Amino acid sequence: MKFSNWELLGGGLLVSAWVFWGAIMSGNVLVHVDEKSIHASLRLAEEADAAPTAAAKGPVDFGNALPLLAKADVEAGHKSFKKCETCHTGVQGGPNKVGPNLWDIVGRDKGAAPGFSYSSAMTGAEGNWTLEDLDKFLASPKDFVKGNKMTFVGLRKADERAAVIAYLRTLSPAPKPIP
């Protein structure tokens, strides 16, 4: 018996549809799908899609790391500081790199590391680097000092910022006390 090309194509499509339908049915039998988790996942995805528009309206709040500072792990801060070492040094008398040397940064005037050429935004920043200011700056450098040249997006996790701040405190001959 000889079949035409149209009959072969139709038979192939029919068999493919049966295989596809059989795979779906087998999957439904083998894996139970919880409808509540699907709706929760969809809601989280919608919230994630809406997050960039909320961030565009104002600075993002990543929480306050200072309550975590007393219990912060200095060694974990040293490990996280490796991200900073691409552009900064933390050695006494060390050179400035793309960013200034961060030795004894806590309590130092903003935009005042010797020998470093700061942006006008950073030289215009008033006051000293307090623990609170370091927390806000590390959370989002662009939001804390608008117009600065730092390209790092920040550390979103409060515990990581607390650890880095605890480590930065140790980069001093006389570490500043934790309030």
N, C-alpha and C. Protein backbone atom coordinates (compact mmCIF):
# COMPACT_ATOMS: atom_id res chain seq x y z
N MET A 1 0.84 -1.15 0.00
CA MET A 1 0.00 0.00 0.00
C MET A 1 0.89 1.23 0.00
N LYS A 2 0.58 2.18 -0.83
CA LYS A 2 1.38 3.38 -0.97
C LYS A 2 0.55 4.57 -0.49
N PHE A 3 1.21 5.45 0.33
CA PHE A 3 0.55 6.63 0.86
C PHE A 3 1.09 7.87 0.18
N SER A 4 0.21 8.84 0.00
CA SER A 4 0.66 10.10 -0.60
C SER A 4 1.41 10.92 0.46
N ASN A 5 2.13 11.93 0.01
CA ASN A 5 2.88 12.80 0.93
C ASN A 5 1.95 13.48 1.92
N TRP A 6 0.77 13.85 1.50
CA TRP A 6 -0.19 14.52 2.39
C TRP A 6 -0.67 13.59 3.48
N GLU A 7 -0.89 12.32 3.12
CA GLU A 7 -1.30 11.35 4.12
C GLU A 7 -0.18 11.08 5.13
N LEU A 8 1.07 11.00 4.66
CA LEU A 8 2.21 10.80 5.55
C LEU A 8 2.38 11.99 6.49
N LEU A 9 2.21 13.20 5.96
CA LEU A 9 2.32 14.40 6.77
C LEU A 9 1.22 14.44 7.84
N GLY A 10 0.00 14.15 7.44
CA GLY A 10 -1.12 14.13 8.38
C GLY A 10 -0.93 13.07 9.45
N GLY A 11 -0.50 11.89 9.07
CA GLY A 11 -0.26 10.81 10.02
C GLY A 11 0.86 11.19 10.99
N GLY A 12 1.91 11.82 10.49
CA GLY A 12 3.03 12.24 11.33
C GLY A 12 2.58 13.28 12.35
N LEU A 13 1.76 14.24 11.90
CA LEU A 13 1.24 15.27 12.81
C LEU A 13 0.34 14.64 13.87
N LEU A 14 -0.49 13.69 13.48
CA LEU A 14 -1.39 13.02 14.43
C LEU A 14 -0.60 12.23 15.47
N VAL A 15 0.41 11.49 15.04
CA VAL A 15 1.24 10.73 15.98
C VAL A 15 2.00 11.68 16.90
N SER A 16 2.52 12.78 16.36
CA SER A 16 3.23 13.77 17.18
C SER A 16 2.30 14.37 18.23
N ALA A 17 1.09 14.69 17.85
CA ALA A 17 0.12 15.25 18.80
C ALA A 17 -0.17 14.24 19.90
N TRP A 18 -0.33 12.94 19.53
CA TRP A 18 -0.57 11.92 20.56
C TRP A 18 0.62 11.79 21.51
N VAL A 19 1.82 11.82 20.99
CA VAL A 19 3.02 11.72 21.84
C VAL A 19 3.10 12.93 22.77
N PHE A 20 2.86 14.11 22.22
CA PHE A 20 2.89 15.34 23.01
C PHE A 20 1.84 15.29 24.11
N TRP A 21 0.61 14.92 23.77
CA TRP A 21 -0.47 14.82 24.74
C TRP A 21 -0.15 13.76 25.80
N GLY A 22 0.42 12.65 25.38
CA GLY A 22 0.79 11.58 26.31
C GLY A 22 1.88 12.05 27.28
N ALA A 23 2.84 12.85 26.79
CA ALA A 23 3.90 13.36 27.67
C ALA A 23 3.31 14.31 28.71
N ILE A 24 2.37 15.15 28.29
CA ILE A 24 1.72 16.07 29.22
C ILE A 24 0.93 15.29 30.28
N MET A 25 0.18 14.32 29.86
CA MET A 25 -0.60 13.52 30.80
C MET A 25 0.31 12.77 31.76
N SER A 26 1.38 12.19 31.25
CA SER A 26 2.33 11.47 32.11
C SER A 26 2.97 12.41 33.11
N GLY A 27 3.34 13.60 32.66
CA GLY A 27 3.94 14.59 33.54
C GLY A 27 2.98 15.02 34.63
N ASN A 28 1.71 15.19 34.30
CA ASN A 28 0.71 15.58 35.29
C ASN A 28 0.49 14.48 36.32
N VAL A 29 0.61 13.24 35.92
CA VAL A 29 0.45 12.14 36.85
C VAL A 29 1.67 12.03 37.76
N LEU A 30 2.87 12.23 37.20
CA LEU A 30 4.10 12.08 37.96
C LEU A 30 4.41 13.27 38.86
N VAL A 31 4.05 14.48 38.43
CA VAL A 31 4.39 15.70 39.18
C VAL A 31 3.10 16.43 39.53
N HIS A 32 2.91 16.64 40.84
CA HIS A 32 1.74 17.39 41.29
C HIS A 32 2.10 18.87 41.33
N VAL A 33 1.29 19.70 40.72
CA VAL A 33 1.52 21.14 40.68
C VAL A 33 0.59 21.79 41.69
N ASP A 34 1.18 22.55 42.62
CA ASP A 34 0.41 23.26 43.62
C ASP A 34 -0.02 24.61 43.04
N GLU A 35 -1.31 24.80 42.87
CA GLU A 35 -1.83 26.02 42.26
C GLU A 35 -1.45 27.27 43.07
N LYS A 36 -1.41 27.16 44.41
CA LYS A 36 -1.06 28.30 45.24
C LYS A 36 0.36 28.76 44.97
N SER A 37 1.30 27.82 44.79
CA SER A 37 2.68 28.21 44.55
C SER A 37 2.83 28.86 43.18
N ILE A 38 2.04 28.42 42.20
CA ILE A 38 2.09 29.05 40.88
C ILE A 38 1.63 30.50 40.97
N HIS A 39 0.53 30.74 41.67
CA HIS A 39 0.03 32.10 41.81
C HIS A 39 1.00 32.97 42.60
N ALA A 40 1.64 32.39 43.63
CA ALA A 40 2.63 33.15 44.42
C ALA A 40 3.83 33.48 43.55
N SER A 41 4.28 32.54 42.73
CA SER A 41 5.42 32.80 41.83
C SER A 41 5.09 33.89 40.83
N LEU A 42 3.87 33.84 40.29
CA LEU A 42 3.47 34.87 39.33
C LEU A 42 3.40 36.25 40.00
N ARG A 43 2.90 36.29 41.24
CA ARG A 43 2.82 37.56 41.96
C ARG A 43 4.22 38.10 42.24
N LEU A 44 5.17 37.23 42.63
CA LEU A 44 6.54 37.67 42.87
C LEU A 44 7.19 38.17 41.58
N ALA A 45 6.91 37.50 40.47
CA ALA A 45 7.46 37.94 39.19
C ALA A 45 6.90 39.30 38.80
N GLU A 46 5.61 39.52 39.04
CA GLU A 46 5.01 40.83 38.73
C GLU A 46 5.61 41.92 39.61
N GLU A 47 5.85 41.61 40.91
CA GLU A 47 6.46 42.58 41.81
C GLU A 47 7.88 42.89 41.38
N ALA A 48 8.62 41.86 40.92
CA ALA A 48 9.99 42.08 40.47
C ALA A 48 10.01 42.95 39.21
N ASP A 49 9.02 42.75 38.33
CA ASP A 49 8.94 43.59 37.13
C ASP A 49 8.62 45.03 37.49
N ALA A 50 7.83 45.23 38.54
CA ALA A 50 7.45 46.57 38.95
C ALA A 50 8.55 47.26 39.75
N ALA A 51 9.51 46.51 40.30
CA ALA A 51 10.55 47.09 41.15
C ALA A 51 11.40 48.15 40.45
N PRO A 52 11.82 47.97 39.18
CA PRO A 52 12.63 49.02 38.58
C PRO A 52 11.92 50.37 38.49
N THR A 53 10.60 50.37 38.29
CA THR A 53 9.91 51.65 38.23
C THR A 53 9.86 52.29 39.60
N ALA A 54 9.77 51.48 40.67
CA ALA A 54 9.79 52.04 42.01
C ALA A 54 11.17 52.59 42.33
N ALA A 55 12.22 51.90 41.87
CA ALA A 55 13.58 52.37 42.13
C ALA A 55 13.87 53.65 41.37
N ALA A 56 13.25 53.82 40.22
CA ALA A 56 13.49 55.02 39.44
C ALA A 56 12.90 56.25 40.13
N LYS A 57 11.92 56.06 41.02
CA LYS A 57 11.28 57.19 41.68
C LYS A 57 12.13 57.77 42.79
N GLY A 58 13.03 57.01 43.37
CA GLY A 58 13.84 57.53 44.47
C GLY A 58 14.87 56.52 44.92
N PRO A 59 15.69 56.88 45.90
CA PRO A 59 16.72 55.97 46.36
C PRO A 59 16.13 54.72 46.99
N VAL A 60 16.84 53.63 46.82
CA VAL A 60 16.40 52.35 47.34
C VAL A 60 16.87 52.22 48.78
N ASP A 61 16.02 51.72 49.65
CA ASP A 61 16.38 51.53 51.05
C ASP A 61 16.78 50.08 51.24
N PHE A 62 18.05 49.86 51.55
CA PHE A 62 18.55 48.50 51.77
C PHE A 62 18.63 48.16 53.24
N GLY A 63 17.99 48.96 54.06
CA GLY A 63 18.02 48.71 55.50
C GLY A 63 19.24 49.36 56.13
N ASN A 64 19.25 49.37 57.42
CA ASN A 64 20.33 50.00 58.17
C ASN A 64 21.26 48.91 58.68
N ALA A 65 22.54 48.99 58.32
CA ALA A 65 23.51 47.99 58.74
C ALA A 65 24.07 48.25 60.12
N LEU A 66 23.87 49.46 60.66
CA LEU A 66 24.52 49.81 61.92
C LEU A 66 24.10 48.96 63.11
N PRO A 67 22.82 48.55 63.24
CA PRO A 67 22.48 47.66 64.36
C PRO A 67 23.24 46.33 64.29
N LEU A 68 23.69 45.95 63.11
CA LEU A 68 24.41 44.69 62.94
C LEU A 68 25.91 44.84 63.18
N LEU A 69 26.37 46.08 63.31
CA LEU A 69 27.80 46.36 63.37
C LEU A 69 28.48 45.75 64.59
N ALA A 70 27.82 45.77 65.75
CA ALA A 70 28.43 45.23 66.96
C ALA A 70 28.73 43.74 66.84
N LYS A 71 27.92 43.01 66.08
CA LYS A 71 28.11 41.57 65.92
C LYS A 71 28.74 41.21 64.57
N ALA A 72 29.16 42.23 63.81
CA ALA A 72 29.68 41.98 62.46
C ALA A 72 31.00 41.20 62.50
N ASP A 73 31.17 40.33 61.52
CA ASP A 73 32.36 39.50 61.41
C ASP A 73 33.41 40.25 60.60
N VAL A 74 34.49 40.66 61.27
CA VAL A 74 35.55 41.44 60.60
C VAL A 74 36.20 40.62 59.49
N GLU A 75 36.36 39.32 59.71
CA GLU A 75 36.98 38.47 58.68
C GLU A 75 36.09 38.40 57.43
N ALA A 76 34.78 38.31 57.64
CA ALA A 76 33.85 38.33 56.48
C ALA A 76 33.93 39.68 55.79
N GLY A 77 34.10 40.74 56.56
CA GLY A 77 34.27 42.07 55.96
C GLY A 77 35.53 42.17 55.14
N HIS A 78 36.60 41.53 55.61
CA HIS A 78 37.85 41.51 54.85
C HIS A 78 37.66 40.79 53.52
N LYS A 79 36.90 39.68 53.56
CA LYS A 79 36.63 38.94 52.32
C LYS A 79 35.78 39.78 51.36
N SER A 80 34.77 40.47 51.90
CA SER A 80 33.93 41.32 51.04
C SER A 80 34.71 42.52 50.52
N PHE A 81 35.69 42.99 51.30
CA PHE A 81 36.50 44.13 50.88
C PHE A 81 37.32 43.80 49.64
N LYS A 82 37.49 42.52 49.34
CA LYS A 82 38.22 42.14 48.12
C LYS A 82 37.56 42.74 46.88
N LYS A 83 36.23 42.93 46.92
CA LYS A 83 35.53 43.59 45.82
C LYS A 83 36.02 45.02 45.67
N CYS A 84 36.33 45.65 46.80
CA CYS A 84 36.76 47.05 46.81
C CYS A 84 38.21 47.20 46.37
N GLU A 85 39.01 46.14 46.60
CA GLU A 85 40.44 46.23 46.31
C GLU A 85 40.75 46.34 44.83
N THR A 86 39.76 46.16 43.99
CA THR A 86 39.96 46.40 42.57
C THR A 86 40.33 47.86 42.34
N CYS A 87 39.71 48.74 43.11
CA CYS A 87 39.91 50.18 42.92
C CYS A 87 40.54 50.88 44.12
N HIS A 88 40.55 50.25 45.29
CA HIS A 88 41.02 50.91 46.52
C HIS A 88 42.09 50.07 47.21
N THR A 89 42.94 50.74 47.97
CA THR A 89 43.84 50.04 48.88
C THR A 89 43.40 50.38 50.29
N GLY A 90 43.82 49.57 51.22
CA GLY A 90 43.50 49.82 52.61
C GLY A 90 44.75 49.73 53.47
N VAL A 91 45.89 50.03 52.86
CA VAL A 91 47.17 49.90 53.53
C VAL A 91 47.67 51.28 53.95
N GLN A 92 48.18 51.38 55.17
CA GLN A 92 48.71 52.65 55.63
C GLN A 92 49.86 53.09 54.71
N GLY A 93 49.73 54.29 54.17
CA GLY A 93 50.73 54.82 53.25
C GLY A 93 50.66 54.21 51.86
N GLY A 94 49.64 53.36 51.62
CA GLY A 94 49.50 52.71 50.32
C GLY A 94 49.08 53.71 49.25
N PRO A 95 49.25 53.34 48.00
CA PRO A 95 48.94 54.26 46.91
C PRO A 95 47.43 54.38 46.67
N ASN A 96 47.05 55.47 46.05
CA ASN A 96 45.69 55.58 45.54
C ASN A 96 45.65 54.80 44.24
N LYS A 97 44.52 54.21 43.96
CA LYS A 97 44.34 53.50 42.69
C LYS A 97 43.31 54.30 41.90
N VAL A 98 42.37 53.62 41.29
CA VAL A 98 41.26 54.29 40.63
C VAL A 98 40.46 55.07 41.66
N GLY A 99 40.38 54.52 42.87
CA GLY A 99 39.74 55.17 44.01
C GLY A 99 40.80 55.49 45.06
N PRO A 100 40.43 56.27 46.05
CA PRO A 100 41.41 56.66 47.07
C PRO A 100 41.76 55.52 48.02
N ASN A 101 42.89 55.66 48.69
CA ASN A 101 43.29 54.73 49.74
C ASN A 101 42.30 54.88 50.90
N LEU A 102 41.81 53.77 51.41
CA LEU A 102 40.79 53.81 52.46
C LEU A 102 41.35 53.61 53.86
N TRP A 103 42.67 53.70 54.02
CA TRP A 103 43.25 53.59 55.35
C TRP A 103 42.73 54.72 56.22
N ASP A 104 42.26 54.42 57.39
CA ASP A 104 41.75 55.38 58.37
C ASP A 104 40.61 56.24 57.79
N ILE A 105 39.71 55.60 57.04
CA ILE A 105 38.60 56.31 56.39
C ILE A 105 37.55 56.77 57.41
N VAL A 106 37.32 55.98 58.47
CA VAL A 106 36.27 56.32 59.43
C VAL A 106 36.71 57.58 60.20
N GLY A 107 35.94 58.64 60.06
CA GLY A 107 36.24 59.91 60.70
C GLY A 107 37.00 60.89 59.83
N ARG A 108 37.48 60.44 58.68
CA ARG A 108 38.22 61.31 57.77
C ARG A 108 37.25 62.22 57.02
N ASP A 109 37.71 63.41 56.65
CA ASP A 109 36.90 64.32 55.84
C ASP A 109 36.56 63.66 54.51
N LYS A 110 35.34 63.87 54.04
CA LYS A 110 34.92 63.33 52.74
C LYS A 110 35.69 64.06 51.64
N GLY A 111 36.14 63.30 50.67
CA GLY A 111 36.84 63.89 49.54
C GLY A 111 38.18 64.48 49.92
N ALA A 112 38.87 63.86 50.89
CA ALA A 112 40.10 64.48 51.38
C ALA A 112 41.29 63.53 51.47
N ALA A 113 41.29 62.42 50.74
CA ALA A 113 42.46 61.54 50.78
C ALA A 113 43.62 62.25 50.08
N PRO A 114 44.78 62.31 50.71
CA PRO A 114 45.90 63.03 50.10
C PRO A 114 46.31 62.42 48.77
N GLY A 115 46.49 63.29 47.79
CA GLY A 115 46.98 62.88 46.48
C GLY A 115 45.95 62.29 45.54
N PHE A 116 44.69 62.26 45.94
CA PHE A 116 43.67 61.70 45.05
C PHE A 116 42.83 62.81 44.45
N SER A 117 42.56 62.70 43.16
CA SER A 117 41.77 63.70 42.44
C SER A 117 40.30 63.27 42.44
N TYR A 118 39.53 63.87 43.34
CA TYR A 118 38.11 63.55 43.48
C TYR A 118 37.27 64.31 42.45
N SER A 119 36.07 63.81 42.23
CA SER A 119 35.09 64.53 41.42
C SER A 119 34.62 65.75 42.21
N SER A 120 34.06 66.71 41.51
CA SER A 120 33.56 67.91 42.19
C SER A 120 32.43 67.56 43.17
N ALA A 121 31.65 66.53 42.84
CA ALA A 121 30.57 66.11 43.74
C ALA A 121 31.15 65.61 45.07
N MET A 122 32.24 64.87 45.00
CA MET A 122 32.83 64.32 46.21
C MET A 122 33.56 65.40 47.00
N THR A 123 34.23 66.31 46.34
CA THR A 123 34.91 67.38 47.08
C THR A 123 33.89 68.33 47.70
N GLY A 124 32.70 68.39 47.12
CA GLY A 124 31.63 69.23 47.67
C GLY A 124 30.88 68.58 48.81
N ALA A 125 31.11 67.28 49.04
CA ALA A 125 30.44 66.58 50.14
C ALA A 125 31.01 67.08 51.46
N GLU A 126 30.13 67.43 52.36
CA GLU A 126 30.56 68.02 53.63
C GLU A 126 30.64 66.98 54.74
N GLY A 127 31.48 67.25 55.71
CA GLY A 127 31.56 66.43 56.90
C GLY A 127 32.58 65.32 56.81
N ASN A 128 32.57 64.50 57.84
CA ASN A 128 33.48 63.35 57.94
C ASN A 128 32.73 62.08 57.58
N TRP A 129 33.50 61.04 57.31
CA TRP A 129 32.91 59.73 57.05
C TRP A 129 32.53 59.09 58.37
N THR A 130 31.26 59.22 58.73
CA THR A 130 30.74 58.55 59.92
C THR A 130 30.35 57.12 59.56
N LEU A 131 30.08 56.32 60.56
CA LEU A 131 29.64 54.95 60.30
C LEU A 131 28.31 54.96 59.54
N GLU A 132 27.42 55.91 59.88
CA GLU A 132 26.13 56.02 59.19
C GLU A 132 26.33 56.39 57.72
N ASP A 133 27.24 57.34 57.48
CA ASP A 133 27.48 57.77 56.10
C ASP A 133 28.12 56.64 55.29
N LEU A 134 29.04 55.90 55.90
CA LEU A 134 29.64 54.77 55.19
C LEU A 134 28.59 53.72 54.84
N ASP A 135 27.66 53.48 55.76
CA ASP A 135 26.58 52.52 55.49
C ASP A 135 25.75 52.97 54.29
N LYS A 136 25.35 54.22 54.29
CA LYS A 136 24.53 54.73 53.18
C LYS A 136 25.31 54.76 51.88
N PHE A 137 26.59 55.14 51.95
CA PHE A 137 27.41 55.19 50.75
C PHE A 137 27.62 53.79 50.18
N LEU A 138 27.94 52.83 51.05
CA LEU A 138 28.16 51.47 50.57
C LEU A 138 26.89 50.84 50.02
N ALA A 139 25.73 51.26 50.52
CA ALA A 139 24.46 50.74 50.00
C ALA A 139 24.24 51.21 48.57
N SER A 140 24.54 52.48 48.30
CA SER A 140 24.32 53.04 46.97
C SER A 140 25.15 54.30 46.80
N PRO A 141 26.38 54.17 46.31
CA PRO A 141 27.25 55.34 46.16
C PRO A 141 26.64 56.44 45.30
N LYS A 142 25.95 56.08 44.25
CA LYS A 142 25.37 57.09 43.35
C LYS A 142 24.24 57.87 44.02
N ASP A 143 23.49 57.22 44.90
CA ASP A 143 22.40 57.91 45.60
C ASP A 143 22.92 58.78 46.74
N PHE A 144 23.98 58.34 47.41
CA PHE A 144 24.46 59.08 48.57
C PHE A 144 25.18 60.37 48.17
N VAL A 145 26.05 60.28 47.16
CA VAL A 145 26.74 61.47 46.65
C VAL A 145 26.45 61.53 45.16
N LYS A 146 25.42 62.29 44.83
CA LYS A 146 24.99 62.40 43.43
C LYS A 146 26.11 63.03 42.60
N GLY A 147 26.45 62.40 41.48
CA GLY A 147 27.46 62.94 40.57
C GLY A 147 28.86 62.45 40.86
N ASN A 148 29.04 61.52 41.81
CA ASN A 148 30.41 61.02 42.04
C ASN A 148 30.80 60.06 40.93
N LYS A 149 32.09 59.80 40.79
CA LYS A 149 32.61 58.99 39.69
C LYS A 149 32.63 57.49 39.99
N MET A 150 32.28 57.09 41.19
CA MET A 150 32.36 55.68 41.55
C MET A 150 31.31 54.88 40.78
N THR A 151 31.77 53.82 40.11
CA THR A 151 30.87 53.02 39.28
C THR A 151 30.29 51.81 40.01
N PHE A 152 30.78 51.52 41.20
CA PHE A 152 30.30 50.37 41.97
C PHE A 152 28.84 50.60 42.36
N VAL A 153 27.99 49.59 42.18
CA VAL A 153 26.56 49.75 42.44
C VAL A 153 26.22 49.71 43.92
N GLY A 154 27.08 49.14 44.74
CA GLY A 154 26.82 49.11 46.17
C GLY A 154 26.63 47.70 46.69
N LEU A 155 26.57 47.60 48.00
CA LEU A 155 26.34 46.33 48.68
C LEU A 155 24.91 46.33 49.19
N ARG A 156 24.08 45.48 48.67
CA ARG A 156 22.66 45.49 48.99
C ARG A 156 22.35 44.87 50.35
N LYS A 157 23.16 43.91 50.79
CA LYS A 157 22.87 43.21 52.04
C LYS A 157 23.44 43.99 53.22
N ALA A 158 22.57 44.26 54.19
CA ALA A 158 22.97 45.05 55.37
C ALA A 158 24.06 44.35 56.16
N ASP A 159 23.99 43.02 56.28
CA ASP A 159 25.00 42.31 57.05
C ASP A 159 26.37 42.37 56.38
N GLU A 160 26.39 42.37 55.05
CA GLU A 160 27.66 42.49 54.34
C GLU A 160 28.25 43.89 54.51
N ARG A 161 27.38 44.91 54.46
CA ARG A 161 27.86 46.29 54.68
C ARG A 161 28.41 46.44 56.09
N ALA A 162 27.70 45.87 57.06
CA ALA A 162 28.16 45.94 58.45
C ALA A 162 29.54 45.29 58.59
N ALA A 163 29.74 44.16 57.93
CA ALA A 163 31.03 43.47 58.01
C ALA A 163 32.13 44.31 57.36
N VAL A 164 31.83 44.93 56.22
CA VAL A 164 32.83 45.78 55.55
C VAL A 164 33.16 46.99 56.42
N ILE A 165 32.14 47.60 57.01
CA ILE A 165 32.38 48.76 57.88
C ILE A 165 33.20 48.34 59.11
N ALA A 166 32.91 47.18 59.66
CA ALA A 166 33.70 46.67 60.79
C ALA A 166 35.15 46.47 60.37
N TYR A 167 35.35 45.97 59.16
CA TYR A 167 36.72 45.81 58.66
C TYR A 167 37.39 47.16 58.43
N LEU A 168 36.66 48.10 57.83
CA LEU A 168 37.23 49.44 57.59
C LEU A 168 37.65 50.10 58.90
N ARG A 169 36.92 49.86 59.97
CA ARG A 169 37.28 50.41 61.28
C ARG A 169 38.66 49.92 61.71
N THR A 170 38.99 48.67 61.34
CA THR A 170 40.28 48.11 61.76
C THR A 170 41.44 48.71 60.98
N LEU A 171 41.16 49.37 59.87
CA LEU A 171 42.21 49.99 59.06
C LEU A 171 42.54 51.36 59.64
N SER A 172 43.02 51.37 60.85
CA SER A 172 43.30 52.61 61.55
C SER A 172 44.23 52.32 62.72
N PRO A 173 45.11 53.28 63.06
CA PRO A 173 45.94 53.05 64.25
C PRO A 173 45.11 53.12 65.53
N ALA A 174 43.99 53.83 65.48
CA ALA A 174 43.10 53.95 66.63
C ALA A 174 41.65 53.82 66.14
N PRO A 175 41.13 52.58 66.02
CA PRO A 175 39.76 52.40 65.50
C PRO A 175 38.72 53.19 66.29
N LYS A 176 37.81 53.81 65.56
CA LYS A 176 36.73 54.58 66.18
C LYS A 176 35.77 53.64 66.88
N PRO A 177 35.20 54.05 68.01
CA PRO A 177 34.26 53.17 68.74
C PRO A 177 32.94 53.01 68.01
N ILE A 178 32.30 51.90 68.25
CA ILE A 178 30.95 51.66 67.73
C ILE A 178 29.97 52.29 68.71
N PRO A 179 29.08 53.16 68.24
CA PRO A 179 28.15 53.82 69.17
C PRO A 179 27.19 52.82 69.82
